[in-house]
Amino acid sequence: MSLAALATAFLLIVTLGYVVTCWLSPFGDCRKCDGMGHELKTDRKGKTRRGRDCRRCEATGKRIRVGRWIYNRAARTYRAGTR
């Protein structure tokens, strides 16, 4: 097997894995609050305390994956164009 074929097979496997992940679990943890739903703050004594609610995920701790967002947008555009 050549190096180009091996690289193509690897990229195909990674892409299909991401598609399956987006299909089975369309929501992932928020990157800003690490899925907690709120920001963590450290006070002057070094203790970690709960901060305000995360604005990015609206305190749910979950965000839609990029691949699922692209699929939803494409499906919505296709449905709007075939009406």
PDB file of N, CA and C in Angstrom:
ATOM      1  N   MET A   1       0.835  -1.176   0.000  1.00  0.00           N
ATOM      2  CA  MET A   1       0.000   0.000   0.000  1.00  0.00           C
ATOM      3  C   MET A   1       0.881   1.241   0.000  1.00  0.00           C
ATOM      4  N   SER A   2       0.520   2.189  -0.810  1.00  0.00           N
ATOM      5  CA  SER A   2       1.332   3.402  -0.875  1.00  0.00           C
ATOM      6  C   SER A   2       0.964   4.346   0.263  1.00  0.00           C
ATOM      7  N   LEU A   3       1.805   5.318   0.447  1.00  0.00           N
ATOM      8  CA  LEU A   3       1.600   6.282   1.522  1.00  0.00           C
ATOM      9  C   LEU A   3       0.349   7.140   1.269  1.00  0.00           C
ATOM     10  N   ALA A   4       0.098   7.481   0.005  1.00  0.00           N
ATOM     11  CA  ALA A   4      -1.076   8.292  -0.325  1.00  0.00           C
ATOM     12  C   ALA A   4      -2.367   7.519  -0.046  1.00  0.00           C
ATOM     13  N   ALA A   5      -2.379   6.242  -0.370  1.00  0.00           N
ATOM     14  CA  ALA A   5      -3.565   5.431  -0.109  1.00  0.00           C
ATOM     15  C   ALA A   5      -3.794   5.268   1.391  1.00  0.00           C
ATOM     16  N   LEU A   6      -2.716   5.111   2.131  1.00  0.00           N
ATOM     17  CA  LEU A   6      -2.829   4.984   3.584  1.00  0.00           C
ATOM     18  C   LEU A   6      -3.357   6.275   4.209  1.00  0.00           C
ATOM     19  N   ALA A   7      -2.867   7.421   3.744  1.00  0.00           N
ATOM     20  CA  ALA A   7      -3.340   8.712   4.254  1.00  0.00           C
ATOM     21  C   ALA A   7      -4.808   8.933   3.905  1.00  0.00           C
ATOM     22  N   THR A   8      -5.205   8.540   2.690  1.00  0.00           N
ATOM     23  CA  THR A   8      -6.600   8.678   2.281  1.00  0.00           C
ATOM     24  C   THR A   8      -7.505   7.795   3.122  1.00  0.00           C
ATOM     25  N   ALA A   9      -7.075   6.571   3.382  1.00  0.00           N
ATOM     26  CA  ALA A   9      -7.866   5.659   4.212  1.00  0.00           C
ATOM     27  C   ALA A   9      -7.998   6.202   5.635  1.00  0.00           C
ATOM     28  N   PHE A  10      -6.929   6.756   6.167  1.00  0.00           N
ATOM     29  CA  PHE A  10      -6.967   7.329   7.507  1.00  0.00           C
ATOM     30  C   PHE A  10      -7.936   8.501   7.584  1.00  0.00           C
ATOM     31  N   LEU A  11      -7.869   9.406   6.607  1.00  0.00           N
ATOM     32  CA  LEU A  11      -8.783  10.552   6.595  1.00  0.00           C
ATOM     33  C   LEU A  11     -10.230  10.116   6.435  1.00  0.00           C
ATOM     34  N   LEU A  12     -10.467   9.102   5.644  1.00  0.00           N
ATOM     35  CA  LEU A  12     -11.820   8.577   5.462  1.00  0.00           C
ATOM     36  C   LEU A  12     -12.365   7.991   6.757  1.00  0.00           C
ATOM     37  N   ILE A  13     -11.535   7.258   7.470  1.00  0.00           N
ATOM     38  CA  ILE A  13     -11.963   6.656   8.749  1.00  0.00           C
ATOM     39  C   ILE A  13     -12.248   7.748   9.781  1.00  0.00           C
ATOM     40  N   VAL A  14     -11.399   8.767   9.854  1.00  0.00           N
ATOM     41  CA  VAL A  14     -11.610   9.857  10.816  1.00  0.00           C
ATOM     42  C   VAL A  14     -12.888  10.620  10.482  1.00  0.00           C
ATOM     43  N   THR A  15     -13.111  10.892   9.203  1.00  0.00           N
ATOM     44  CA  THR A  15     -14.307  11.630   8.782  1.00  0.00           C
ATOM     45  C   THR A  15     -15.570  10.838   9.078  1.00  0.00           C
ATOM     46  N   LEU A  16     -15.564   9.555   8.744  1.00  0.00           N
ATOM     47  CA  LEU A  16     -16.742   8.732   9.023  1.00  0.00           C
ATOM     48  C   LEU A  16     -16.989   8.588  10.521  1.00  0.00           C
ATOM     49  N   GLY A  17     -15.927   8.535  11.302  1.00  0.00           N
ATOM     50  CA  GLY A  17     -16.075   8.490  12.757  1.00  0.00           C
ATOM     51  C   GLY A  17     -16.727   9.746  13.301  1.00  0.00           C
ATOM     52  N   TYR A  18     -16.341  10.909  12.750  1.00  0.00           N
ATOM     53  CA  TYR A  18     -16.935  12.168  13.197  1.00  0.00           C
ATOM     54  C   TYR A  18     -18.395  12.263  12.770  1.00  0.00           C
ATOM     55  N   VAL A  19     -18.708  11.772  11.574  1.00  0.00           N
ATOM     56  CA  VAL A  19     -20.100  11.779  11.108  1.00  0.00           C
ATOM     57  C   VAL A  19     -20.960  10.917  12.023  1.00  0.00           C
ATOM     58  N   VAL A  20     -20.464   9.752  12.411  1.00  0.00           N
ATOM     59  CA  VAL A  20     -21.220   8.876  13.312  1.00  0.00           C
ATOM     60  C   VAL A  20     -21.372   9.537  14.682  1.00  0.00           C
ATOM     61  N   THR A  21     -20.333  10.199  15.160  1.00  0.00           N
ATOM     62  CA  THR A  21     -20.416  10.897  16.442  1.00  0.00           C
ATOM     63  C   THR A  21     -21.471  11.998  16.398  1.00  0.00           C
ATOM     64  N   CYS A  22     -21.498  12.770  15.310  1.00  0.00           N
ATOM     65  CA  CYS A  22     -22.495  13.838  15.178  1.00  0.00           C
ATOM     66  C   CYS A  22     -23.904  13.280  15.059  1.00  0.00           C
ATOM     67  N   TRP A  23     -24.032  12.098  14.476  1.00  0.00           N
ATOM     68  CA  TRP A  23     -25.346  11.484  14.321  1.00  0.00           C
ATOM     69  C   TRP A  23     -25.852  10.920  15.654  1.00  0.00           C
ATOM     70  N   LEU A  24     -24.976  10.240  16.388  1.00  0.00           N
ATOM     71  CA  LEU A  24     -25.395   9.618  17.641  1.00  0.00           C
ATOM     72  C   LEU A  24     -25.462  10.604  18.807  1.00  0.00           C
ATOM     73  N   SER A  25     -24.557  11.567  18.824  1.00  0.00           N
ATOM     74  CA  SER A  25     -24.511  12.527  19.922  1.00  0.00           C
ATOM     75  C   SER A  25     -24.318  13.931  19.345  1.00  0.00           C
ATOM     76  N   PRO A  26     -25.421  14.592  18.945  1.00  0.00           N
ATOM     77  CA  PRO A  26     -25.276  15.891  18.283  1.00  0.00           C
ATOM     78  C   PRO A  26     -24.803  17.014  19.206  1.00  0.00           C
ATOM     79  N   PHE A  27     -24.875  16.822  20.502  1.00  0.00           N
ATOM     80  CA  PHE A  27     -24.452  17.854  21.445  1.00  0.00           C
ATOM     81  C   PHE A  27     -23.194  17.410  22.174  1.00  0.00           C
ATOM     82  N   GLY A  28     -22.248  18.329  22.314  1.00  0.00           N
ATOM     83  CA  GLY A  28     -21.022  18.083  23.061  1.00  0.00           C
ATOM     84  C   GLY A  28     -20.922  19.063  24.211  1.00  0.00           C
ATOM     85  N   ASP A  29     -19.934  18.866  25.058  1.00  0.00           N
ATOM     86  CA  ASP A  29     -19.734  19.774  26.185  1.00  0.00           C
ATOM     87  C   ASP A  29     -19.296  21.148  25.691  1.00  0.00           C
ATOM     88  N   CYS A  30     -19.745  22.169  26.376  1.00  0.00           N
ATOM     89  CA  CYS A  30     -19.347  23.539  26.065  1.00  0.00           C
ATOM     90  C   CYS A  30     -17.854  23.686  26.356  1.00  0.00           C
ATOM     91  N   ARG A  31     -17.135  24.330  25.444  1.00  0.00           N
ATOM     92  CA  ARG A  31     -15.693  24.481  25.618  1.00  0.00           C
ATOM     93  C   ARG A  31     -15.346  25.578  26.617  1.00  0.00           C
ATOM     94  N   LYS A  32     -16.224  26.531  26.795  1.00  0.00           N
ATOM     95  CA  LYS A  32     -15.916  27.648  27.697  1.00  0.00           C
ATOM     96  C   LYS A  32     -16.053  27.236  29.167  1.00  0.00           C
ATOM     97  N   CYS A  33     -17.128  26.517  29.481  1.00  0.00           N
ATOM     98  CA  CYS A  33     -17.365  26.151  30.889  1.00  0.00           C
ATOM     99  C   CYS A  33     -17.085  24.667  31.158  1.00  0.00           C
ATOM    100  N   ASP A  34     -16.560  23.950  30.168  1.00  0.00           N
ATOM    101  CA  ASP A  34     -16.249  22.517  30.286  1.00  0.00           C
ATOM    102  C   ASP A  34     -17.460  21.685  30.668  1.00  0.00           C
ATOM    103  N   GLY A  35     -18.634  22.084  30.202  1.00  0.00           N
ATOM    104  CA  GLY A  35     -19.842  21.313  30.438  1.00  0.00           C
ATOM    105  C   GLY A  35     -20.473  21.527  31.805  1.00  0.00           C
ATOM    106  N   MET A  36     -19.984  22.500  32.563  1.00  0.00           N
ATOM    107  CA  MET A  36     -20.517  22.733  33.909  1.00  0.00           C
ATOM    108  C   MET A  36     -21.733  23.661  33.895  1.00  0.00           C
ATOM    109  N   GLY A  37     -21.843  24.528  32.909  1.00  0.00           N
ATOM    110  CA  GLY A  37     -22.965  25.452  32.845  1.00  0.00           C
ATOM    111  C   GLY A  37     -22.702  26.772  33.529  1.00  0.00           C
ATOM    112  N   HIS A  38     -21.556  26.872  34.180  1.00  0.00           N
ATOM    113  CA  HIS A  38     -21.190  28.127  34.839  1.00  0.00           C
ATOM    114  C   HIS A  38     -19.675  28.255  34.835  1.00  0.00           C
ATOM    115  N   GLU A  39     -19.236  29.481  34.915  1.00  0.00           N
ATOM    116  CA  GLU A  39     -17.799  29.737  34.958  1.00  0.00           C
ATOM    117  C   GLU A  39     -17.291  29.531  36.376  1.00  0.00           C
ATOM    118  N   LEU A  40     -16.054  29.095  36.503  1.00  0.00           N
ATOM    119  CA  LEU A  40     -15.453  28.922  37.816  1.00  0.00           C
ATOM    120  C   LEU A  40     -14.566  30.113  38.113  1.00  0.00           C
ATOM    121  N   LYS A  41     -14.656  30.614  39.341  1.00  0.00           N
ATOM    122  CA  LYS A  41     -13.837  31.738  39.767  1.00  0.00           C
ATOM    123  C   LYS A  41     -13.005  31.310  40.964  1.00  0.00           C
ATOM    124  N   THR A  42     -11.869  31.944  41.118  1.00  0.00           N
ATOM    125  CA  THR A  42     -11.012  31.698  42.271  1.00  0.00           C
ATOM    126  C   THR A  42     -10.987  32.963  43.109  1.00  0.00           C
ATOM    127  N   ASP A  43     -11.290  32.811  44.406  1.00  0.00           N
ATOM    128  CA  ASP A  43     -11.278  33.992  45.265  1.00  0.00           C
ATOM    129  C   ASP A  43      -9.856  34.278  45.757  1.00  0.00           C
ATOM    130  N   ARG A  44      -9.703  35.250  46.600  1.00  0.00           N
ATOM    131  CA  ARG A  44      -8.371  35.674  47.044  1.00  0.00           C
ATOM    132  C   ARG A  44      -7.669  34.631  47.896  1.00  0.00           C
ATOM    133  N   LYS A  45      -8.436  33.780  48.551  1.00  0.00           N
ATOM    134  CA  LYS A  45      -7.839  32.748  49.401  1.00  0.00           C
ATOM    135  C   LYS A  45      -7.464  31.491  48.616  1.00  0.00           C
ATOM    136  N   GLY A  46      -7.799  31.459  47.326  1.00  0.00           N
ATOM    137  CA  GLY A  46      -7.436  30.318  46.494  1.00  0.00           C
ATOM    138  C   GLY A  46      -8.540  29.289  46.335  1.00  0.00           C
ATOM    139  N   LYS A  47      -9.687  29.546  46.950  1.00  0.00           N
ATOM    140  CA  LYS A  47     -10.794  28.605  46.822  1.00  0.00           C
ATOM    141  C   LYS A  47     -11.496  28.816  45.484  1.00  0.00           C
ATOM    142  N   THR A  48     -11.941  27.732  44.909  1.00  0.00           N
ATOM    143  CA  THR A  48     -12.682  27.820  43.657  1.00  0.00           C
ATOM    144  C   THR A  48     -14.161  27.911  43.980  1.00  0.00           C
ATOM    145  N   ARG A  49     -14.809  28.892  43.371  1.00  0.00           N
ATOM    146  CA  ARG A  49     -16.230  29.111  43.610  1.00  0.00           C
ATOM    147  C   ARG A  49     -16.970  29.159  42.295  1.00  0.00           C
ATOM    148  N   ARG A  50     -18.263  28.981  42.401  1.00  0.00           N
ATOM    149  CA  ARG A  50     -19.103  29.035  41.219  1.00  0.00           C
ATOM    150  C   ARG A  50     -19.280  30.486  40.790  1.00  0.00           C
ATOM    151  N   GLY A  51     -19.013  30.744  39.504  1.00  0.00           N
ATOM    152  CA  GLY A  51     -19.193  32.082  38.969  1.00  0.00           C
ATOM    153  C   GLY A  51     -20.577  32.221  38.354  1.00  0.00           C
ATOM    154  N   ARG A  52     -20.702  33.161  37.464  1.00  0.00           N
ATOM    155  CA  ARG A  52     -21.994  33.389  36.820  1.00  0.00           C
ATOM    156  C   ARG A  52     -22.260  32.322  35.758  1.00  0.00           C
ATOM    157  N   ASP A  53     -23.502  32.272  35.307  1.00  0.00           N
ATOM    158  CA  ASP A  53     -23.884  31.300  34.299  1.00  0.00           C
ATOM    159  C   ASP A  53     -23.149  31.565  32.994  1.00  0.00           C
ATOM    160  N   CYS A  54     -22.844  30.499  32.283  1.00  0.00           N
ATOM    161  CA  CYS A  54     -22.119  30.606  31.022  1.00  0.00           C
ATOM    162  C   CYS A  54     -23.039  31.214  29.961  1.00  0.00           C
ATOM    163  N   ARG A  55     -22.555  32.250  29.287  1.00  0.00           N
ATOM    164  CA  ARG A  55     -23.360  32.904  28.255  1.00  0.00           C
ATOM    165  C   ARG A  55     -23.327  32.121  26.949  1.00  0.00           C
ATOM    166  N   ARG A  56     -22.258  31.412  26.691  1.00  0.00           N
ATOM    167  CA  ARG A  56     -22.113  30.712  25.422  1.00  0.00           C
ATOM    168  C   ARG A  56     -23.116  29.568  25.288  1.00  0.00           C
ATOM    169  N   CYS A  57     -23.296  28.784  26.333  1.00  0.00           N
ATOM    170  CA  CYS A  57     -24.221  27.643  26.272  1.00  0.00           C
ATOM    171  C   CYS A  57     -25.533  27.923  26.994  1.00  0.00           C
ATOM    172  N   GLU A  58     -25.698  29.130  27.510  1.00  0.00           N
ATOM    173  CA  GLU A  58     -26.888  29.536  28.255  1.00  0.00           C
ATOM    174  C   GLU A  58     -27.145  28.633  29.465  1.00  0.00           C
ATOM    175  N   ALA A  59     -26.082  28.280  30.166  1.00  0.00           N
ATOM    176  CA  ALA A  59     -26.087  27.520  31.421  1.00  0.00           C
ATOM    177  C   ALA A  59     -26.578  26.093  31.261  1.00  0.00           C
ATOM    178  N   THR A  60     -26.552  25.532  30.049  1.00  0.00           N
ATOM    179  CA  THR A  60     -26.932  24.131  29.874  1.00  0.00           C
ATOM    180  C   THR A  60     -25.726  23.211  29.939  1.00  0.00           C
ATOM    181  N   GLY A  61     -24.554  23.731  29.611  1.00  0.00           N
ATOM    182  CA  GLY A  61     -23.346  22.918  29.595  1.00  0.00           C
ATOM    183  C   GLY A  61     -23.156  22.174  28.286  1.00  0.00           C
ATOM    184  N   LYS A  62     -24.098  22.296  27.368  1.00  0.00           N
ATOM    185  CA  LYS A  62     -24.024  21.583  26.089  1.00  0.00           C
ATOM    186  C   LYS A  62     -24.090  22.563  24.930  1.00  0.00           C
ATOM    187  N   ARG A  63     -23.394  22.229  23.843  1.00  0.00           N
ATOM    188  CA  ARG A  63     -23.428  23.004  22.609  1.00  0.00           C
ATOM    189  C   ARG A  63     -23.540  22.051  21.442  1.00  0.00           C
ATOM    190  N   ILE A  64     -24.129  22.500  20.364  1.00  0.00           N
ATOM    191  CA  ILE A  64     -24.268  21.661  19.184  1.00  0.00           C
ATOM    192  C   ILE A  64     -22.905  21.537  18.506  1.00  0.00           C
ATOM    193  N   ARG A  65     -22.586  20.338  18.051  1.00  0.00           N
ATOM    194  CA  ARG A  65     -21.306  20.102  17.386  1.00  0.00           C
ATOM    195  C   ARG A  65     -21.270  20.810  16.042  1.00  0.00           C
ATOM    196  N   VAL A  66     -20.085  21.155  15.585  1.00  0.00           N
ATOM    197  CA  VAL A  66     -19.922  21.888  14.331  1.00  0.00           C
ATOM    198  C   VAL A  66     -20.467  21.077  13.156  1.00  0.00           C
ATOM    199  N   GLY A  67     -20.162  19.797  13.110  1.00  0.00           N
ATOM    200  CA  GLY A  67     -20.641  18.955  12.018  1.00  0.00           C
ATOM    201  C   GLY A  67     -22.160  18.860  11.991  1.00  0.00           C
ATOM    202  N   ARG A  68     -22.778  18.771  13.141  1.00  0.00           N
ATOM    203  CA  ARG A  68     -24.242  18.706  13.202  1.00  0.00           C
ATOM    204  C   ARG A  68     -24.849  20.046  12.812  1.00  0.00           C
ATOM    205  N   TRP A  69     -24.197  21.150  13.196  1.00  0.00           N
ATOM    206  CA  TRP A  69     -24.682  22.471  12.812  1.00  0.00           C
ATOM    207  C   TRP A  69     -24.655  22.625  11.298  1.00  0.00           C
ATOM    208  N   ILE A  70     -23.586  22.174  10.663  1.00  0.00           N
ATOM    209  CA  ILE A  70     -23.481  22.242   9.203  1.00  0.00           C
ATOM    210  C   ILE A  70     -24.557  21.386   8.551  1.00  0.00           C
ATOM    211  N   TYR A  71     -24.776  20.183   9.082  1.00  0.00           N
ATOM    212  CA  TYR A  71     -25.823  19.310   8.532  1.00  0.00           C
ATOM    213  C   TYR A  71     -27.200  19.956   8.683  1.00  0.00           C
ATOM    214  N   ASN A  72     -27.498  20.508   9.846  1.00  0.00           N
ATOM    215  CA  ASN A  72     -28.801  21.146  10.065  1.00  0.00           C
ATOM    216  C   ASN A  72     -29.009  22.315   9.108  1.00  0.00           C
ATOM    217  N   ARG A  73     -27.974  23.118   8.903  1.00  0.00           N
ATOM    218  CA  ARG A  73     -28.078  24.256   7.997  1.00  0.00           C
ATOM    219  C   ARG A  73     -28.305  23.790   6.562  1.00  0.00           C
ATOM    220  N   ALA A  74     -27.596  22.755   6.122  1.00  0.00           N
ATOM    221  CA  ALA A  74     -27.758  22.235   4.757  1.00  0.00           C
ATOM    222  C   ALA A  74     -29.148  21.625   4.569  1.00  0.00           C
ATOM    223  N   ALA A  75     -29.628  20.893   5.567  1.00  0.00           N
ATOM    224  CA  ALA A  75     -30.960  20.290   5.466  1.00  0.00           C
ATOM    225  C   ALA A  75     -32.046  21.361   5.427  1.00  0.00           C
ATOM    226  N   ARG A  76     -31.891  22.417   6.233  1.00  0.00           N
ATOM    227  CA  ARG A  76     -32.861  23.501   6.248  1.00  0.00           C
ATOM    228  C   ARG A  76     -32.872  24.237   4.901  1.00  0.00           C
ATOM    229  N   THR A  77     -31.710  24.457   4.323  1.00  0.00           N
ATOM    230  CA  THR A  77     -31.622  25.117   3.014  1.00  0.00           C
ATOM    231  C   THR A  77     -32.238  24.243   1.932  1.00  0.00           C
ATOM    232  N   TYR A  78     -31.997  22.938   1.990  1.00  0.00           N
ATOM    233  CA  TYR A  78     -32.567  22.020   0.996  1.00  0.00           C
ATOM    234  C   TYR A  78     -34.089  21.998   1.095  1.00  0.00           C
ATOM    235  N   ARG A  79     -34.610  21.922   2.327  1.00  0.00           N
ATOM    236  CA  ARG A  79     -36.078  21.906   2.500  1.00  0.00           C
ATOM    237  C   ARG A  79     -36.701  23.203   2.029  1.00  0.00           C
ATOM    238  N   ALA A  80     -36.052  24.327   2.284  1.00  0.00           N
ATOM    239  CA  ALA A  80     -36.580  25.621   1.847  1.00  0.00           C
ATOM    240  C   ALA A  80     -36.563  25.742   0.331  1.00  0.00           C
ATOM    241  N   GLY A  81     -35.614  25.097  -0.316  1.00  0.00           N
ATOM    242  CA  GLY A  81     -35.504  25.198  -1.770  1.00  0.00           C
ATOM    243  C   GLY A  81     -36.423  24.266  -2.524  1.00  0.00           C
ATOM    244  N   THR A  82     -36.956  23.235  -1.839  1.00  0.00           N
ATOM    245  CA  THR A  82     -37.817  22.267  -2.521  1.00  0.00           C
ATOM    246  C   THR A  82     -39.287  22.475  -2.217  1.00  0.00           C
ATOM    247  N   ARG A  83     -39.636  23.554  -1.591  1.00  0.00           N
ATOM    248  CA  ARG A  83     -41.054  23.816  -1.277  1.00  0.00           C
ATOM    249  C   ARG A  83     -41.762  24.424  -2.431  1.00  0.00           C
TER     250      ARG A  83
END
